[in-house]
Each structure stands twice: as C-alpha cells, then as structure tokens.
Amino acid sequence: MALLLAIESSCDETAVAIVRGSAGNPTEVLASEISSQIELHREHGGVVPELASRNHSLHLRGLVENALEAAAVHMGEIDAFAATTGPGLASSLLVGSTAAKGMACVLGRPFLGINHLEGHLLSPFLGRTEVPPHVALIVSGGHTLLLDVEGPGRYRKLGGTRDDAAGEAYDKVGKMLGLTYPGGPEIEKAARTGDPQAYDFPRSMQHEANLDFSFSGLKTAVLYTVRKIQGELPVADLAASFQQAVIEILVHKALRAVLGEHVQQKGSLVNAERTRFDFAHNAPVTDEQIREIEARVNAEILANVAAEAREMDMEAAQKTGAMMLFGEKYGDSVRVLKALCNRPVPRRDTSTPLAKAASSNGASGAIDLASNCSGFA
C-alpha cells in the first residue's frame, strides 16, 4: 500500500493530507490538516493574493508536521508527493508545489502535479475502488463546469460559464446585500428565512440549445433591484430569490446534460428518457418536459444515486464543492493516482543539480523538513 502526502494551496486555505492506497483498493485518509484564511481576508472583502501566499508559507510546515503525527508515519515512509498546480493564485500555488517538489527531491520520490478541478472531480471517490462513468457538475469558486466523465483522465467538457461563475456571483451579490466575505455561506444563511419567490430574477441561458452557463445577468438584476428598494433591504428575501435562481439554472443544465443528446451512454435510464422525448439534436428542452423529467429522475435515477452515495465520502465531496449527478450503473475504472503511487522510482542524491535548483527556488525549508524528520533514509 502506497503512502501519498498531498498539499493544497491554490487560494485561501492551506491543506495537507496523507492517504494510503493501492490500485484496485479503496483509499484511506490517514490525516487531513487545514488552515483557513477566511478571517484574514474578510476585512478586505475578498482574497488578497499577497496575503494568501505569505500565510501559506507561514503555516505549511506546521501542517505537514501535524499531518505526519496524525497519520503516525515518518517522512521517509512517504512514497509520493502531490500538490495543486492550477488553476489558482499563481503565488499561492508556488508555495505548495515548491514545498512538495523539494520533499520529493530530497527523498527521491515522484512528484505529482494535480489539477485543482480534477481534485474536486475525483475526491468523492476516495473510498471506492473505481471512478464510474457519470455526469459531473463542478461548482467551485471561479469555476462552473459540466463534464461527461468516462473515467480518470477521460473527460469531455459539456458546458461552462461564459462570464461569472456561480461562486463569483455569490460573492458579488453578497457584497451588494452588505454581507461579509465569503458571500456563499452568508447568502445561504440569510436565504433560510427568506421567500425564494419574492423576486423573479432571470434564469439566463436556460432555454438556449447548449449546456453553458451565464450568471452575469443575474448578478446585474440583483444590483438593479437593490438600487430600487427604498429603506431597509429585505436581505433574506433577496438572498433566497437569488439562490433559487442559481439552483434552478444549475439543475436545469445538469438534467439536460444527463437526458439530452450531449452524453452518449448505453443501457441506462438516460437512453430511456432520450427515446421517450425524442429530442432533436441540440433542441431546447421545454419547461413541461423538464418538470416531467425531474419527477421521473426523483423517482428512479436519484434512488439509485442515493444507494451509491452511501458508499461515498460525501463530506469530502461537500468540502470540495463537487456535485455529482449519475446517469447509469457503472463500469470499471481505477484511479490513475494509485497506479502512479505504486510506480517504482529510483532515489536521487540530494547533491544533484535538481536538488540544488529546488533549494534555490524556495524549497530549502521543505528540504530541511524532509532531511531532519525521523525515519529519513
């Protein structure tokens, strides 16, 4: 069983995790340490890149040491190192990736650069032995994506945002309503006591013959509505109405991805629904069809999804913001990462040009950490 130490430093959280697994077996999370910067950035109303990168540097070493202690492993036992390499804030990504490269270099282990969005996409399957074919809706910060996933590393983009992502719209609308950063959680809290039907905000691109998103118009509609209101803002109603519009857009497009011509899957309810409605290629789905589809999905597909979800690490899925909507029972796929972790890699001398280059580029702290940890061989 291989041990992997992974670092995430793409934005306003520093995180270190240690996992254990092998090809064809579930992955076990031995440690997960997180340092949040929300309070630091709150007074500025958003993430300040320079502050973010400095705080990653400040907290990373302690998180690595805490993770090793929590996992009860020595640095020398780690078989591979990974770090987020994008997308994200360039200066913040550099902190995590440089540290991971430095430790990998000293120990002669492989380094794996991880795509931020692929991490979101695959994290719900850590406790499983495969990544099944599915339609994935990723709603995370500055990204809103619909993907047709055949297996690890085999993805087809079905749609994405043409302007603001859903998360960006949440933060901007949060500011309009006088809520603190980050806007997403604050809007959700305010919406709990509001009326989602109080304001009829637009559902942009809902009936266009594609699977793209647009939230800029919705954000502008909220702004104009706020400007017209005299006196105290009905924050709860505005938040609830805005959130309802976002959710409807996301659900509508996700259902169309599953049930339309965009995803080619065999022997599933997707084919049954596609045949039943006989959609023309790229034809918009009517409101009546969507309502009928939603009812059938709730009764049939989601029942299967619920059974599958019980086997997934849903806490991990929620933390990463990955939302999955599955189309069928699944085939065989093995996590590529596990296979890579099992790949034999020769040790390298720390005096090599690569090690020196890593040190000169800011990895000296990481190399120091790796070299002095008990168990280094």
Protein backbone atom coordinates (compact mmCIF):
# COMPACT_ATOMS: atom_id res chain seq x y z
CA MET A 1 0.00 0.00 0.00
CA ALA A 2 1.47 3.35 -1.06
CA LEU A 3 1.53 6.49 1.10
CA LEU A 4 0.90 9.85 -0.56
CA LEU A 5 1.39 13.29 1.03
CA ALA A 6 -0.59 15.99 -0.78
CA ILE A 7 -0.58 19.79 -0.43
CA GLU A 8 -3.30 22.24 -1.44
CA SER A 9 -2.50 25.97 -1.54
CA SER A 10 -4.45 27.30 -4.52
CA CYS A 11 -6.34 30.10 -2.77
CA ASP A 12 -7.21 30.97 0.84
CA GLU A 13 -6.73 27.61 2.56
CA THR A 14 -3.55 25.70 3.27
CA ALA A 15 -4.19 21.96 3.49
CA VAL A 16 -2.06 18.85 3.88
CA ALA A 17 -3.37 15.30 3.66
CA ILE A 18 -1.79 11.87 3.87
CA VAL A 19 -3.59 8.96 2.23
CA ARG A 20 -2.85 5.27 1.84
CA GLY A 21 -4.00 3.08 -1.01
CA SER A 22 -3.14 0.91 -3.97
CA ALA A 23 -4.60 0.17 -7.38
CA GLY A 24 -7.95 -1.57 -7.10
CA ASN A 25 -8.40 -0.82 -3.39
CA PRO A 26 -10.19 1.99 -1.53
CA THR A 27 -8.03 4.92 -0.45
CA GLU A 28 -7.79 5.59 3.29
CA VAL A 29 -7.36 9.17 4.52
CA LEU A 30 -4.87 8.96 7.41
CA ALA A 31 -4.63 12.69 8.10
CA SER A 32 -6.19 15.93 6.86
CA GLU A 33 -4.93 19.23 8.26
CA ILE A 34 -6.38 22.59 7.18
CA SER A 35 -5.57 26.21 7.97
CA SER A 36 -8.23 28.67 6.80
CA GLN A 37 -7.53 32.32 5.94
CA ILE A 38 -11.15 33.50 5.85
CA GLU A 39 -10.82 35.80 8.84
CA LEU A 40 -7.63 37.29 7.40
CA HIS A 41 -9.27 38.23 4.10
CA ARG A 42 -12.71 39.13 5.47
CA GLU A 43 -11.75 42.71 6.32
CA HIS A 44 -10.68 43.22 2.69
CA GLY A 45 -13.90 41.80 1.25
CA GLY A 46 -12.07 39.15 -0.77
CA VAL A 47 -8.83 37.22 -1.18
CA VAL A 48 -5.64 39.32 -1.31
CA PRO A 49 -3.09 37.19 -3.23
CA GLU A 50 0.00 38.54 -1.44
CA LEU A 51 -1.51 37.90 2.00
CA ALA A 52 -2.61 34.43 0.89
CA SER A 53 0.82 33.32 -0.31
CA ARG A 54 2.60 34.68 2.77
CA ASN A 55 0.24 32.80 5.06
CA HIS A 56 0.67 29.58 3.10
CA SER A 57 4.40 29.89 3.73
CA LEU A 58 3.79 30.62 7.40
CA HIS A 59 1.54 27.62 8.13
CA LEU A 60 2.64 24.92 5.68
CA ARG A 61 5.49 23.39 7.64
CA GLY A 62 3.39 23.07 10.80
CA LEU A 63 0.58 21.42 8.85
CA VAL A 64 2.99 18.88 7.32
CA GLU A 65 4.36 18.02 10.76
CA ASN A 66 0.84 17.74 12.22
CA ALA A 67 -0.28 15.51 9.35
CA LEU A 68 2.70 13.17 9.80
CA GLU A 69 1.97 12.94 13.52
CA ALA A 70 -1.76 12.35 12.99
CA ALA A 71 -1.06 9.65 10.41
CA ALA A 72 1.61 8.07 12.63
CA VAL A 73 4.11 7.87 9.76
CA HIS A 74 7.63 9.18 9.20
CA MET A 75 8.59 11.39 6.28
CA GLY A 76 10.85 8.65 4.96
CA GLU A 77 7.84 6.33 4.59
CA ILE A 78 6.07 8.60 2.11
CA ASP A 79 6.07 7.04 -1.37
CA ALA A 80 4.99 10.09 -3.41
CA PHE A 81 4.24 13.79 -3.03
CA ALA A 82 1.49 15.78 -4.73
CA ALA A 83 0.43 19.41 -4.86
CA THR A 84 -2.16 21.51 -6.62
CA THR A 85 -0.53 23.16 -9.63
CA GLY A 86 -3.54 25.03 -11.05
CA PRO A 87 -5.86 26.66 -11.56
CA GLY A 88 -5.50 29.10 -8.67
CA LEU A 89 -3.48 32.09 -7.46
CA ALA A 90 -0.01 31.78 -9.00
CA SER A 91 1.91 32.92 -5.93
CA SER A 92 -0.10 30.63 -3.65
CA LEU A 93 0.26 27.60 -5.93
CA LEU A 94 4.02 28.15 -5.99
CA VAL A 95 4.28 27.76 -2.21
CA GLY A 96 2.66 24.33 -2.08
CA SER A 97 4.13 22.94 -5.28
CA THR A 98 7.67 24.07 -4.43
CA ALA A 99 7.49 22.53 -0.97
CA ALA A 100 6.19 19.22 -2.35
CA LYS A 101 8.85 19.19 -5.08
CA GLY A 102 11.55 19.88 -2.52
CA MET A 103 10.48 16.99 -0.28
CA ALA A 104 10.12 14.68 -3.28
CA CYS A 105 13.56 15.68 -4.49
CA VAL A 106 15.28 15.01 -1.17
CA LEU A 107 13.60 11.65 -0.68
CA GLY A 108 13.93 10.57 -4.31
CA ARG A 109 10.17 10.16 -4.66
CA PRO A 110 7.84 11.06 -7.53
CA PHE A 111 6.09 14.43 -7.56
CA LEU A 112 2.55 14.63 -8.93
CA GLY A 113 1.13 17.96 -10.10
CA ILE A 114 -2.65 17.90 -9.57
CA ASN A 115 -5.25 19.92 -11.44
CA HIS A 116 -7.43 21.74 -8.93
CA LEU A 117 -10.69 20.93 -10.71
CA GLU A 118 -9.75 17.29 -11.23
CA GLY A 119 -9.22 17.11 -7.48
CA HIS A 120 -12.78 18.33 -6.96
CA LEU A 121 -13.99 15.87 -9.56
CA LEU A 122 -12.38 12.75 -8.10
CA SER A 123 -12.39 13.42 -4.34
CA PRO A 124 -15.83 11.85 -3.69
CA PHE A 125 -14.43 8.51 -4.87
CA LEU A 126 -11.55 8.23 -2.41
CA GLY A 127 -13.27 5.43 -0.53
CA ARG A 128 -14.13 3.47 -3.67
CA THR A 129 -12.18 1.17 -5.93
CA GLU A 130 -13.25 2.84 -9.18
CA VAL A 131 -14.39 6.09 -10.71
CA PRO A 132 -17.64 5.21 -12.52
CA PRO A 133 -18.89 6.91 -15.68
CA HIS A 134 -21.07 9.88 -14.74
CA VAL A 135 -22.07 13.43 -15.50
CA ALA A 136 -20.32 15.85 -13.12
CA LEU A 137 -21.36 19.37 -12.20
CA ILE A 138 -18.48 21.24 -10.55
CA VAL A 139 -19.45 24.44 -8.75
CA SER A 140 -16.33 25.74 -7.05
CA GLY A 141 -15.25 29.35 -6.61
CA GLY A 142 -14.44 30.77 -10.01
CA HIS A 143 -15.45 27.63 -11.91
CA THR A 144 -18.79 26.21 -13.03
CA LEU A 145 -18.41 23.18 -15.31
CA LEU A 146 -20.44 20.29 -16.70
CA LEU A 147 -18.34 17.26 -17.64
CA ASP A 148 -19.00 13.88 -19.20
CA VAL A 149 -16.68 11.60 -17.21
CA GLU A 150 -15.77 8.23 -18.69
CA GLY A 151 -13.10 7.50 -16.07
CA PRO A 152 -9.94 9.01 -14.56
CA GLY A 153 -8.26 11.29 -17.09
CA ARG A 154 -11.05 10.79 -19.64
CA TYR A 155 -13.30 13.86 -19.56
CA ARG A 156 -15.35 15.75 -22.12
CA LYS A 157 -16.45 19.29 -21.41
CA LEU A 158 -20.17 19.70 -21.98
CA GLY A 159 -20.54 23.28 -20.82
CA GLY A 160 -19.13 26.04 -18.67
CA THR A 161 -19.71 29.61 -17.68
CA ARG A 162 -19.34 32.35 -20.27
CA ASP A 163 -18.80 35.09 -17.69
CA ASP A 164 -19.15 34.90 -13.91
CA ALA A 165 -19.10 31.52 -12.24
CA ALA A 166 -21.80 30.71 -9.68
CA GLY A 167 -19.36 31.20 -6.79
CA GLU A 168 -18.25 34.59 -8.11
CA ALA A 169 -21.87 35.67 -8.43
CA TYR A 170 -22.49 34.63 -4.82
CA ASP A 171 -19.57 36.72 -3.56
CA LYS A 172 -20.57 39.79 -5.59
CA VAL A 173 -24.24 39.58 -4.61
CA GLY A 174 -23.16 39.09 -1.00
CA LYS A 175 -21.38 42.45 -1.16
CA MET A 176 -24.47 44.09 -2.66
CA LEU A 177 -26.53 42.83 0.28
CA GLY A 178 -23.99 44.03 2.83
CA LEU A 179 -22.94 40.53 3.84
CA THR A 180 -19.40 39.62 4.85
CA TYR A 181 -16.89 37.57 2.86
CA PRO A 182 -17.23 34.82 1.73
CA GLY A 183 -20.62 35.55 0.22
CA GLY A 184 -21.70 31.95 -0.44
CA PRO A 185 -22.18 30.76 3.16
CA GLU A 186 -23.64 34.13 4.21
CA ILE A 187 -26.22 34.14 1.42
CA GLU A 188 -27.18 30.56 2.27
CA LYS A 189 -27.70 31.51 5.92
CA ALA A 190 -29.79 34.57 5.05
CA ALA A 191 -31.86 32.63 2.50
CA ARG A 192 -33.09 30.17 5.12
CA THR A 193 -35.60 32.71 6.44
CA GLY A 194 -36.41 34.32 3.09
CA ASP A 195 -39.03 33.82 0.39
CA PRO A 196 -37.45 32.34 -2.78
CA GLN A 197 -40.40 33.62 -4.81
CA ALA A 198 -40.21 37.22 -3.56
CA TYR A 199 -38.24 38.42 -6.59
CA ASP A 200 -38.38 36.99 -10.10
CA PHE A 201 -34.73 37.09 -11.08
CA PRO A 202 -33.72 35.90 -14.60
CA ARG A 203 -32.60 32.33 -15.36
CA SER A 204 -30.02 33.17 -18.02
CA MET A 205 -29.44 30.81 -20.98
CA GLN A 206 -31.90 28.31 -19.55
CA HIS A 207 -33.59 27.66 -22.87
CA GLU A 208 -30.63 28.02 -25.23
CA ALA A 209 -29.55 24.92 -27.14
CA ASN A 210 -26.29 24.42 -25.25
CA LEU A 211 -25.06 23.49 -21.79
CA ASP A 212 -23.25 26.74 -20.98
CA PHE A 213 -23.96 29.00 -18.02
CA SER A 214 -24.15 32.76 -17.50
CA PHE A 215 -24.55 34.43 -14.12
CA SER A 216 -23.54 37.99 -15.01
CA GLY A 217 -27.09 38.98 -15.96
CA LEU A 218 -28.48 37.52 -12.73
CA LYS A 219 -25.92 39.46 -10.70
CA THR A 220 -26.83 42.69 -12.55
CA ALA A 221 -30.55 42.06 -12.00
CA VAL A 222 -29.96 41.83 -8.26
CA LEU A 223 -27.95 45.07 -8.35
CA TYR A 224 -30.73 46.99 -10.12
CA THR A 225 -33.33 45.56 -7.76
CA VAL A 226 -31.30 46.62 -4.71
CA ARG A 227 -30.95 50.16 -6.09
CA LYS A 228 -34.72 50.49 -6.47
CA ILE A 229 -35.56 49.44 -2.93
CA GLN A 230 -36.27 52.28 -0.52
CA GLY A 231 -35.35 51.86 3.13
CA GLU A 232 -34.02 48.69 4.71
CA LEU A 233 -33.11 45.90 2.33
CA PRO A 234 -35.13 42.67 2.64
CA VAL A 235 -31.86 40.72 2.69
CA ALA A 236 -33.42 37.33 3.42
CA ASP A 237 -35.89 37.55 0.50
CA LEU A 238 -33.24 38.86 -1.89
CA ALA A 239 -30.81 36.11 -0.88
CA ALA A 240 -33.45 33.38 -1.15
CA SER A 241 -34.64 34.58 -4.58
CA PHE A 242 -31.09 34.87 -5.90
CA GLN A 243 -30.13 31.43 -4.59
CA GLN A 244 -33.27 29.87 -6.06
CA ALA A 245 -32.39 31.27 -9.48
CA VAL A 246 -28.84 29.88 -9.31
CA ILE A 247 -30.04 26.45 -8.20
CA GLU A 248 -32.67 26.25 -10.94
CA ILE A 249 -30.09 27.12 -13.60
CA LEU A 250 -27.63 24.50 -12.33
CA VAL A 251 -30.26 21.76 -12.00
CA HIS A 252 -31.81 22.53 -15.38
CA LYS A 253 -28.50 22.30 -17.23
CA ALA A 254 -27.40 19.20 -15.31
CA LEU A 255 -30.62 17.40 -16.19
CA ARG A 256 -30.25 18.35 -19.82
CA ALA A 257 -26.69 17.01 -19.79
CA VAL A 258 -27.91 13.67 -18.44
CA LEU A 259 -31.04 13.38 -20.54
CA GLY A 260 -30.15 15.11 -23.80
CA GLU A 261 -28.07 14.12 -26.80
CA HIS A 262 -24.91 15.52 -25.24
CA VAL A 263 -23.94 12.40 -23.26
CA GLN A 264 -23.73 9.05 -25.05
CA GLN A 265 -24.36 6.27 -22.51
CA LYS A 266 -25.83 2.83 -23.16
CA GLY A 267 -28.26 0.62 -21.28
CA SER A 268 -29.37 3.32 -18.83
CA LEU A 269 -32.32 5.46 -17.86
CA VAL A 270 -30.68 8.21 -19.88
CA ASN A 271 -31.41 6.36 -23.11
CA ALA A 272 -34.93 5.59 -21.97
CA GLU A 273 -35.66 9.25 -21.32
CA ARG A 274 -33.98 10.39 -24.52
CA THR A 275 -36.12 7.99 -26.55
CA ARG A 276 -39.29 8.89 -24.69
CA PHE A 277 -38.97 12.59 -25.50
CA ASP A 278 -37.33 12.10 -28.92
CA PHE A 279 -35.22 15.26 -28.62
CA ALA A 280 -33.96 16.78 -31.83
CA HIS A 281 -30.21 17.32 -31.83
CA ASN A 282 -29.41 20.34 -29.61
CA ALA A 283 -33.08 21.27 -29.32
CA PRO A 284 -34.08 23.19 -26.17
CA VAL A 285 -35.99 21.25 -23.56
CA THR A 286 -39.38 22.75 -22.70
CA ASP A 287 -40.47 23.58 -19.15
CA GLU A 288 -43.11 20.86 -19.31
CA GLN A 289 -40.53 18.27 -20.35
CA ILE A 290 -38.17 19.36 -17.59
CA ARG A 291 -40.92 19.00 -14.97
CA GLU A 292 -41.74 15.52 -16.22
CA ILE A 293 -38.05 14.60 -16.33
CA GLU A 294 -37.45 15.91 -12.81
CA ALA A 295 -40.31 13.83 -11.45
CA ARG A 296 -39.00 10.69 -13.12
CA VAL A 297 -35.42 11.41 -12.07
CA ASN A 298 -36.51 11.92 -8.47
CA ALA A 299 -38.38 8.63 -8.52
CA GLU A 300 -35.91 6.49 -10.46
CA ILE A 301 -32.40 7.84 -11.01
CA LEU A 302 -31.96 9.59 -7.68
CA ALA A 303 -33.00 6.44 -5.85
CA ASN A 304 -30.00 4.72 -7.43
CA VAL A 305 -27.77 7.71 -6.70
CA ALA A 306 -28.77 7.62 -3.02
CA ALA A 307 -27.71 3.99 -2.79
CA GLU A 308 -24.36 4.83 -4.41
CA ALA A 309 -23.90 7.94 -2.24
CA ARG A 310 -23.97 5.88 0.94
CA GLU A 311 -20.71 4.30 -0.18
CA MET A 312 -19.04 7.64 -0.98
CA ASP A 313 -17.19 10.07 1.23
CA MET A 314 -19.85 12.78 0.94
CA GLU A 315 -18.09 15.00 3.47
CA ALA A 316 -15.14 15.22 1.10
CA ALA A 317 -17.47 15.93 -1.80
CA GLN A 318 -19.16 18.77 0.09
CA LYS A 319 -15.85 20.29 1.14
CA THR A 320 -14.61 20.45 -2.42
CA GLY A 321 -17.89 21.66 -3.83
CA ALA A 322 -18.20 18.76 -6.27
CA MET A 323 -21.80 17.95 -7.20
CA MET A 324 -22.41 14.63 -8.92
CA LEU A 325 -25.42 13.55 -10.92
CA PHE A 326 -25.07 9.99 -12.19
CA GLY A 327 -26.61 8.56 -15.31
CA GLU A 328 -26.22 4.81 -15.02
CA LYS A 329 -24.72 1.79 -13.29
CA TYR A 330 -21.09 1.77 -13.81
CA GLY A 331 -18.12 0.18 -15.50
CA ASP A 332 -14.57 -0.47 -14.30
CA SER A 333 -12.07 2.37 -13.81
CA VAL A 334 -9.12 2.53 -11.41
CA ARG A 335 -7.73 5.74 -10.02
CA VAL A 336 -4.69 6.75 -12.04
CA LEU A 337 -3.13 8.29 -8.96
CA LYS A 338 -2.95 4.97 -7.15
CA ALA A 339 -1.21 3.37 -10.07
CA LEU A 340 1.29 6.24 -10.21
CA CYS A 341 1.97 5.93 -6.49
CA ASN A 342 2.91 2.27 -6.98
CA ARG A 343 5.37 3.09 -9.77
CA PRO A 344 8.97 2.33 -8.70
CA VAL A 345 11.13 5.46 -8.80
CA PRO A 346 14.88 5.41 -8.03
CA ARG A 347 16.16 7.54 -5.17
CA ARG A 348 18.15 10.64 -6.09
CA ASP A 349 21.17 12.14 -4.37
CA THR A 350 20.39 15.48 -2.69
CA SER A 351 23.57 16.93 -4.21
CA THR A 352 22.23 16.66 -7.76
CA PRO A 353 21.55 19.83 -9.80
CA LEU A 354 17.81 19.18 -9.44
CA ALA A 355 18.02 19.24 -5.65
CA LYS A 356 20.15 22.39 -5.71
CA ALA A 357 17.75 24.06 -8.13
CA ALA A 358 14.78 23.17 -5.92
CA SER A 359 16.56 24.65 -2.91
CA SER A 360 17.48 27.86 -4.70
CA ASN A 361 13.86 28.30 -5.77
CA GLY A 362 12.48 28.41 -2.26
CA ALA A 363 12.28 24.75 -1.26
CA SER A 364 15.04 24.94 1.35
CA GLY A 365 12.50 24.79 4.18
CA ALA A 366 10.88 21.73 2.65
CA ILE A 367 14.23 20.03 2.14
CA ASP A 368 15.21 20.87 5.70
CA LEU A 369 11.96 19.38 6.92
CA ALA A 370 12.40 16.20 4.91
CA SER A 371 16.05 15.78 5.83
CA ASN A 372 15.52 16.16 9.58
CA CYS A 373 12.34 14.17 10.05
CA SER A 374 12.76 10.93 11.97
CA GLY A 375 12.73 7.97 9.63
CA PHE A 376 14.52 9.67 6.73
CA ALA A 377 16.67 7.14 4.87
